Amino acid sequence: MKSNYSNAAQLKDLMTAPPMTAEQHAQVMRKRIEQRRKVEEARDLKRAIGWQLDKR
């Protein structure tokens, strides 16, 4: 089973770090959404190409 906890940061460092600002959070979320859209578009393109090849 793959572990989701691959961050090697110490707990003390994580607990004493200042919280993320709203702007930082928005930037992280925009980047995550952009990456997910790229993956979805690539998957859709791959399916469309495969469907066209099957029709021949």
Protein backbone atom coordinates (compact mmCIF):
# COMPACT_ATOMS: atom_id res chain seq x y z
CA MET A 1 0.00 0.00 0.00
CA LYS A 2 1.33 3.43 -0.97
CA SER A 3 1.69 5.96 1.83
CA ASN A 4 0.16 9.41 1.43
CA TYR A 5 2.53 10.76 4.07
CA SER A 6 5.74 11.30 2.11
CA ASN A 7 6.55 14.71 3.65
CA ALA A 8 9.71 14.51 5.75
CA ALA A 9 9.03 17.73 7.68
CA GLN A 10 9.16 17.55 11.45
CA LEU A 11 5.84 17.89 13.28
CA LYS A 12 7.15 20.82 15.35
CA ASP A 13 8.04 22.69 12.14
CA LEU A 14 4.60 22.06 10.71
CA MET A 15 2.78 23.11 13.87
CA THR A 16 4.74 26.34 14.37
CA ALA A 17 4.65 27.52 10.76
CA PRO A 18 2.29 30.44 10.08
CA PRO A 19 -0.93 29.48 8.32
CA MET A 20 -1.27 29.91 4.58
CA THR A 21 -2.80 33.19 3.48
CA ALA A 22 -5.96 33.24 1.39
CA GLU A 23 -3.96 34.37 -1.64
CA GLN A 24 -1.46 31.52 -1.23
CA HIS A 25 -4.30 29.03 -0.89
CA ALA A 26 -6.01 30.38 -3.99
CA GLN A 27 -2.75 30.12 -5.94
CA VAL A 28 -2.22 26.49 -4.85
CA MET A 29 -5.81 25.60 -5.76
CA ARG A 30 -5.55 27.28 -9.19
CA LYS A 31 -2.39 25.30 -9.92
CA ARG A 32 -4.01 22.04 -8.79
CA ILE A 33 -7.11 22.68 -10.91
CA GLU A 34 -4.99 23.56 -13.95
CA GLN A 35 -3.00 20.33 -13.60
CA ARG A 36 -6.18 18.27 -13.23
CA ARG A 37 -7.70 19.87 -16.34
CA LYS A 38 -4.57 19.07 -18.36
CA VAL A 39 -4.75 15.42 -17.28
CA GLU A 40 -8.47 15.24 -18.09
CA GLU A 41 -7.99 16.84 -21.51
CA ALA A 42 -5.16 14.45 -22.34
CA ARG A 43 -7.31 11.49 -21.27
CA ASP A 44 -10.25 12.71 -23.36
CA LEU A 45 -8.00 13.24 -26.38
CA LYS A 46 -6.55 9.76 -25.98
CA ARG A 47 -10.06 8.27 -25.85
CA ALA A 48 -11.18 10.26 -28.90
CA ILE A 49 -8.19 9.11 -30.91
CA GLY A 50 -8.76 5.53 -29.84
CA TRP A 51 -12.44 5.76 -30.79
CA GLN A 52 -11.56 7.12 -34.24
CA LEU A 53 -9.06 4.33 -34.82
CA ASP A 54 -11.67 1.74 -33.85
CA LYS A 55 -14.14 3.16 -36.39
CA ARG A 56 -11.76 2.48 -39.33
